[in-house]
Amino acid sequence: MSRAMSQREVAKVVPSMPTSDGAGVRLNRSLGTSALPMVDPFLMLDEFRSDDPNDYIAGFPDHPHRGFETVTYMIAGEMQHKDSAGNSGLLVGGGAQWMTAGRGLVHSEMPRQADGLMWGFQLWVNLPRAEKMKEPRYQDLAPEQIPEVELQGAKVRVVAGEVEGVRGPVQGISVAPTMLDIALRPRARFVQGLPAEHGAFVYVFVGAANVGPNGGVRVPRGAVAVLGPGEEVTIEADAEGARLLLLAARPLKEPVARYGPFVMTTQEEIKRAVMDYQTGRLR
C-alpha cells in the first residue's frame, strides 16, 4: 500500500503592496518587500495590470541586471524587449520569457501598445553563486509553446515543471523550478505534487482560493501564500472561481547581497557589478 503524500500547509499570507518601477510603471509587489523579502530562491514578484496607458506607457527603459534570472509572463498586452548584445523579441499575451542575466547585460522592456489592457508578471529567481557570472541567455516562449493541461475543473498552463506527465518548456535551470498558471472553476479543487525540499508559494490574481489541507486557508486576490514543508499542495477555488500562480524551486541556502538590479553573494561583488556597469563593462 502506498503511503499518503504529506500536505503543505500555508505558513503565512502576505498581501501585495502598490509601488512603481522602471520609468513609473504602476504595479503591485508581493515578494521582495519588507513584509516578505524572499522565498528562497525567489527574490521578487510584481504584477502589473492596468488599462490606463499612464500606468504603463513609460515602460522599463535600459537598465542592467547581473547575478539572477528574470521571468516575464504576460496575460494581456505586448512588450518589446531589447538588450545590449543585440537580442530583441516581442512578448505577447500568454507568452513568457525566462532570461538568465548571468554576468550581466543592459536591456529594456517597453510597451508595444498605446492603449488597452497591459497585464502580466515579473519574477526574479536567484542564481547559485557558481552560476552568477555565466553567459546570459533567453528562453522566449510564444503562447503556443506553453502546454495546457485540462483537469476536472482546472486548466493549467505549464511554464516550468510537470503536471500529469506534461512538462513545461523552460529547461536547464539548476533550481529545477515549477511555474504553473492555474485557472479553477468555482469550487474546483486542484492537487499538485512538489519536491519536498523545494521552497514554494501561491499568488492569487483572480478571485480567491483556499490553500492547504482540511479546508485550507483563504488567500484573496493580490496575496501570496507561502507554503510550508510537504510533498503536495491542495488548492480550492471559492464560489467565483480563481486563477493563480504556483511557484516552487530548490532553495540555494546561500548569502544574498542585493542592490537594485544586482543580486550577488557579497558586498564586494555588488561593488564590482556597479563599477562594471558605470565603466561600460557590463555587457
Protein backbone atom coordinates (compact mmCIF):
# COMPACT_ATOMS: atom_id res chain seq x y z
CA MET A 1 0.00 0.00 0.00
CA SER A 2 1.40 3.40 -0.95
CA ARG A 3 1.65 5.98 1.80
CA ALA A 4 -0.29 9.24 1.72
CA MET A 5 1.60 12.29 0.50
CA SER A 6 2.32 14.89 3.16
CA GLN A 7 0.30 18.07 2.62
CA ARG A 8 1.83 21.53 2.54
CA GLU A 9 0.12 23.97 4.86
CA VAL A 10 0.11 27.75 4.49
CA ALA A 11 2.87 29.25 6.64
CA LYS A 12 1.78 32.85 6.07
CA VAL A 13 -0.40 35.02 3.84
CA VAL A 14 1.10 38.33 2.74
CA PRO A 15 -0.82 40.97 0.73
CA SER A 16 0.90 42.71 -2.17
CA MET A 17 1.93 46.36 -1.92
CA PRO A 18 1.39 49.06 -4.56
CA THR A 19 4.60 50.60 -5.89
CA SER A 20 6.18 51.71 -9.16
CA ASP A 21 9.27 50.66 -11.09
CA GLY A 22 11.01 51.34 -14.37
CA ALA A 23 10.05 54.79 -15.66
CA GLY A 24 6.95 54.92 -13.47
CA VAL A 25 5.06 51.70 -14.23
CA ARG A 26 2.46 51.15 -11.53
CA LEU A 27 2.43 47.64 -10.11
CA ASN A 28 1.77 45.50 -7.05
CA ARG A 29 4.76 43.81 -5.40
CA SER A 30 4.06 40.69 -3.37
CA LEU A 31 7.56 39.27 -2.97
CA GLY A 32 10.65 41.39 -2.37
CA THR A 33 9.10 43.68 0.24
CA SER A 34 9.93 44.30 3.89
CA ALA A 35 7.00 42.02 4.79
CA LEU A 36 8.27 39.19 2.57
CA PRO A 37 11.86 39.74 1.35
CA MET A 38 12.15 36.38 -0.48
CA VAL A 39 11.11 32.74 -0.64
CA ASP A 40 14.46 31.14 -1.48
CA PRO A 41 15.36 31.10 -4.37
CA PHE A 42 12.59 33.54 -5.44
CA LEU A 43 13.55 37.18 -4.89
CA MET A 44 10.67 39.27 -6.24
CA LEU A 45 7.23 39.02 -7.82
CA ASP A 46 5.45 42.00 -9.40
CA GLU A 47 2.03 42.11 -11.04
CA PHE A 48 1.29 44.95 -13.45
CA ARG A 49 -2.33 45.31 -14.54
CA SER A 50 -3.97 48.41 -15.99
CA ASP A 51 -5.96 49.60 -18.97
CA ASP A 52 -4.81 53.19 -18.33
CA PRO A 53 -1.78 53.91 -20.56
CA ASN A 54 -0.49 56.43 -18.00
CA ASP A 55 0.17 53.49 -15.67
CA TYR A 56 2.44 51.60 -18.06
CA ILE A 57 3.34 53.51 -21.23
CA ALA A 58 6.75 54.71 -19.94
CA GLY A 59 7.80 51.08 -19.60
CA PHE A 60 11.17 49.84 -18.38
CA PRO A 61 13.90 51.68 -20.34
CA ASP A 62 17.53 50.50 -20.44
CA HIS A 63 18.59 49.01 -17.09
CA PRO A 64 21.24 46.47 -16.08
CA HIS A 65 20.97 43.04 -14.42
CA ARG A 66 23.60 40.70 -13.01
CA GLY A 67 23.55 37.55 -10.89
CA PHE A 68 19.99 36.28 -11.23
CA GLU A 69 17.16 35.43 -13.64
CA THR A 70 14.11 37.47 -14.62
CA VAL A 71 10.90 35.82 -15.74
CA THR A 72 8.26 37.85 -17.59
CA TYR A 73 4.84 36.24 -18.03
CA MET A 74 2.18 38.10 -19.98
CA ILE A 75 -1.57 37.72 -19.56
CA ALA A 76 -2.59 40.54 -21.92
CA GLY A 77 -0.82 43.22 -23.94
CA GLU A 78 2.50 43.37 -25.78
CA MET A 79 6.01 44.18 -24.53
CA GLN A 80 9.08 44.64 -26.73
CA HIS A 81 12.45 43.66 -25.24
CA LYS A 82 15.93 44.59 -26.44
CA ASP A 83 19.38 44.20 -24.92
CA SER A 84 22.96 45.42 -25.21
CA ALA A 85 24.01 42.25 -27.04
CA GLY A 86 21.62 42.95 -29.91
CA ASN A 87 18.89 40.50 -28.87
CA SER A 88 15.26 41.54 -29.26
CA GLY A 89 11.81 40.00 -29.21
CA LEU A 90 8.13 40.59 -28.61
CA LEU A 91 6.26 39.27 -25.58
CA VAL A 92 2.51 38.86 -26.14
CA GLY A 93 -0.43 37.76 -24.01
CA GLY A 94 0.02 34.13 -23.00
CA GLY A 95 3.76 34.21 -23.70
CA ALA A 96 6.75 34.15 -21.37
CA GLN A 97 10.44 34.89 -21.24
CA TRP A 98 12.93 33.26 -18.87
CA MET A 99 16.06 35.42 -19.01
CA THR A 100 19.26 34.30 -17.32
CA ALA A 101 21.15 37.56 -16.81
CA GLY A 102 24.26 35.81 -15.51
CA ARG A 103 27.37 38.01 -15.76
CA GLY A 104 25.22 40.85 -16.95
CA LEU A 105 23.53 42.80 -19.69
CA VAL A 106 21.60 46.01 -20.19
CA HIS A 107 18.09 45.58 -21.51
CA SER A 108 14.75 47.31 -21.90
CA GLU A 109 11.12 46.22 -21.85
CA MET A 110 8.79 48.70 -23.50
CA PRO A 111 5.05 48.50 -24.26
CA ARG A 112 4.12 47.92 -27.90
CA GLN A 113 0.65 49.44 -27.45
CA ALA A 114 -0.69 52.94 -26.84
CA ASP A 115 -3.87 51.82 -25.09
CA GLY A 116 -5.72 48.73 -23.86
CA LEU A 117 -5.07 46.26 -21.07
CA MET A 118 -1.47 45.57 -20.08
CA TRP A 119 -1.33 42.66 -17.61
CA GLY A 120 1.49 40.43 -16.58
CA PHE A 121 4.13 39.48 -14.05
CA GLN A 122 7.83 39.78 -13.47
CA LEU A 123 9.53 37.24 -11.25
CA TRP A 124 13.15 37.30 -10.07
CA VAL A 125 14.90 33.99 -9.39
CA ASN A 126 18.32 33.82 -7.76
CA LEU A 127 21.25 32.04 -9.40
CA PRO A 128 23.68 29.83 -7.48
CA ARG A 129 26.96 31.58 -6.68
CA ALA A 130 28.77 29.28 -9.12
CA GLU A 131 26.50 30.46 -11.98
CA LYS A 132 26.25 34.19 -11.30
CA MET A 133 28.88 35.05 -13.92
CA LYS A 134 27.69 32.67 -16.65
CA GLU A 135 26.86 33.92 -20.13
CA PRO A 136 23.39 35.47 -20.45
CA ARG A 137 20.68 33.58 -22.32
CA TYR A 138 16.99 33.89 -23.17
CA GLN A 139 14.24 31.32 -23.32
CA ASP A 140 11.50 33.15 -25.27
CA LEU A 141 8.21 31.27 -25.29
CA ALA A 142 5.32 32.04 -27.63
CA PRO A 143 1.85 31.28 -26.19
CA GLU A 144 1.52 28.10 -28.25
CA GLN A 145 4.78 26.74 -26.81
CA ILE A 146 3.34 26.65 -23.28
CA PRO A 147 1.32 23.43 -22.89
CA GLU A 148 -2.09 23.39 -21.23
CA VAL A 149 -3.45 20.52 -19.15
CA GLU A 150 -7.22 20.18 -18.73
CA LEU A 151 -8.25 18.54 -15.48
CA GLN A 152 -11.57 18.23 -13.66
CA GLY A 153 -12.48 21.86 -13.07
CA ALA A 154 -8.99 23.18 -13.80
CA LYS A 155 -6.92 24.42 -16.73
CA VAL A 156 -3.19 24.51 -16.04
CA ARG A 157 -0.58 26.23 -18.22
CA VAL A 158 2.79 24.58 -17.54
CA VAL A 159 5.61 27.12 -17.97
CA ALA A 160 8.09 25.03 -15.96
CA GLY A 161 7.84 21.76 -14.10
CA GLU A 162 5.41 18.93 -14.76
CA VAL A 163 1.67 18.28 -14.46
CA GLU A 164 0.16 14.87 -15.28
CA GLY A 165 3.23 13.90 -17.29
CA VAL A 166 3.22 17.17 -19.30
CA ARG A 167 6.45 19.12 -18.95
CA GLY A 168 6.88 22.86 -19.37
CA PRO A 169 9.28 24.23 -22.00
CA VAL A 170 11.68 26.03 -19.62
CA GLN A 171 14.79 23.86 -19.38
CA GLY A 172 18.33 23.93 -17.99
CA ILE A 173 17.59 25.88 -14.79
CA SER A 174 19.61 24.50 -11.88
CA VAL A 175 16.98 25.22 -9.21
CA ALA A 176 14.52 22.96 -11.11
CA PRO A 177 11.58 25.37 -10.97
CA THR A 178 7.86 24.72 -11.13
CA MET A 179 5.79 27.58 -12.61
CA LEU A 180 2.10 26.91 -13.18
CA ASP A 181 -0.73 29.24 -14.20
CA ILE A 182 -3.83 27.56 -12.75
CA ALA A 183 -7.39 28.60 -13.66
CA LEU A 184 -10.05 26.98 -11.46
CA ARG A 185 -13.79 26.92 -12.00
CA PRO A 186 -15.99 27.74 -8.98
CA ARG A 187 -15.34 25.31 -6.10
CA ALA A 188 -12.91 23.30 -8.24
CA ARG A 189 -10.08 21.53 -6.41
CA PHE A 190 -6.53 21.01 -7.69
CA VAL A 191 -3.76 18.94 -6.10
CA GLN A 192 -0.14 19.21 -7.24
CA GLY A 193 2.88 17.26 -6.08
CA LEU A 194 6.06 19.23 -5.35
CA PRO A 195 9.57 18.11 -4.34
CA ALA A 196 9.58 18.12 -0.54
CA GLU A 197 12.80 20.15 -0.34
CA HIS A 198 11.57 22.97 -2.60
CA GLY A 199 10.52 26.40 -1.38
CA ALA A 200 7.05 27.23 -2.72
CA PHE A 201 4.30 29.83 -2.78
CA VAL A 202 0.96 30.62 -4.40
CA TYR A 203 -0.06 34.03 -5.76
CA VAL A 204 -3.77 34.56 -6.44
CA PHE A 205 -4.54 37.08 -9.21
CA VAL A 206 -8.23 36.41 -9.93
CA GLY A 207 -10.86 35.60 -7.32
CA ALA A 208 -9.83 33.85 -4.11
CA ALA A 209 -8.73 30.34 -3.15
CA ASN A 210 -8.40 28.11 -0.12
CA VAL A 211 -4.90 26.65 0.05
CA GLY A 212 -3.82 23.68 2.16
CA PRO A 213 -5.41 20.62 3.78
CA ASN A 214 -8.67 20.39 5.76
CA GLY A 215 -10.37 23.27 4.01
CA GLY A 216 -7.18 25.29 3.81
CA VAL A 217 -6.51 28.98 4.41
CA ARG A 218 -8.33 31.61 2.35
CA VAL A 219 -6.00 33.56 0.08
CA PRO A 220 -7.56 36.66 -1.52
CA ARG A 221 -6.67 38.22 -4.84
CA GLY A 222 -3.32 40.00 -4.74
CA ALA A 223 -1.86 37.97 -1.88
CA VAL A 224 0.94 35.43 -1.57
CA ALA A 225 0.51 32.23 0.43
CA VAL A 226 3.93 30.94 1.50
CA LEU A 227 3.80 27.15 1.75
CA GLY A 228 5.33 25.08 4.50
CA PRO A 229 7.08 21.73 4.00
CA GLY A 230 5.40 18.76 2.37
CA GLU A 231 5.04 16.76 -0.82
CA GLU A 232 1.84 18.18 -2.33
CA VAL A 233 -0.42 21.20 -2.16
CA THR A 234 -4.22 21.34 -2.37
CA ILE A 235 -5.91 24.43 -3.82
CA GLU A 236 -9.68 25.00 -4.00
CA ALA A 237 -11.39 27.96 -5.65
CA ASP A 238 -14.14 29.91 -3.94
CA ALA A 239 -17.65 30.33 -5.36
CA GLU A 240 -16.46 32.76 -8.06
CA GLY A 241 -13.57 30.65 -9.31
CA ALA A 242 -9.89 31.61 -9.11
CA ARG A 243 -6.71 31.99 -11.11
CA LEU A 244 -3.27 31.82 -9.56
CA LEU A 245 0.41 31.16 -10.00
CA LEU A 246 2.06 28.24 -8.21
CA LEU A 247 5.83 28.56 -7.94
CA ALA A 248 8.37 26.21 -6.40
CA ALA A 249 12.13 25.62 -6.71
CA ARG A 250 15.14 24.24 -4.91
CA PRO A 251 16.38 26.73 -2.30
CA LEU A 252 20.01 27.82 -2.66
CA LYS A 253 20.67 28.48 1.05
CA GLU A 254 23.43 30.93 0.11
CA PRO A 255 24.11 34.52 1.25
CA VAL A 256 22.24 37.15 -0.73
CA ALA A 257 23.63 40.65 -1.39
CA ARG A 258 21.15 42.88 -3.24
CA TYR A 259 21.49 46.35 -4.68
CA GLY A 260 18.87 47.47 -7.17
CA PRO A 261 19.23 45.33 -10.31
CA PHE A 262 22.21 43.34 -8.99
CA VAL A 263 21.98 40.19 -6.84
CA MET A 264 25.27 38.67 -5.72
CA THR A 265 26.56 36.86 -2.60
CA THR A 266 28.89 39.54 -1.15
CA GLN A 267 29.02 43.32 -0.99
CA GLU A 268 32.36 43.23 -2.80
CA GLU A 269 30.68 41.50 -5.75
CA ILE A 270 27.96 44.17 -5.70
CA LYS A 271 30.61 46.94 -5.82
CA ARG A 272 32.25 45.23 -8.80
CA ALA A 273 28.89 44.95 -10.60
CA VAL A 274 28.22 48.67 -10.09
CA MET A 275 31.72 49.57 -11.28
CA ASP A 276 31.41 47.30 -14.32
CA TYR A 277 28.11 48.96 -15.23
CA GLN A 278 29.46 52.50 -14.73
CA THR A 279 32.50 51.80 -16.89
CA GLY A 280 30.57 50.03 -19.66
CA ARG A 281 31.93 46.54 -18.96
CA LEU A 282 28.56 45.02 -18.06
CA ARG A 283 27.56 43.63 -21.44
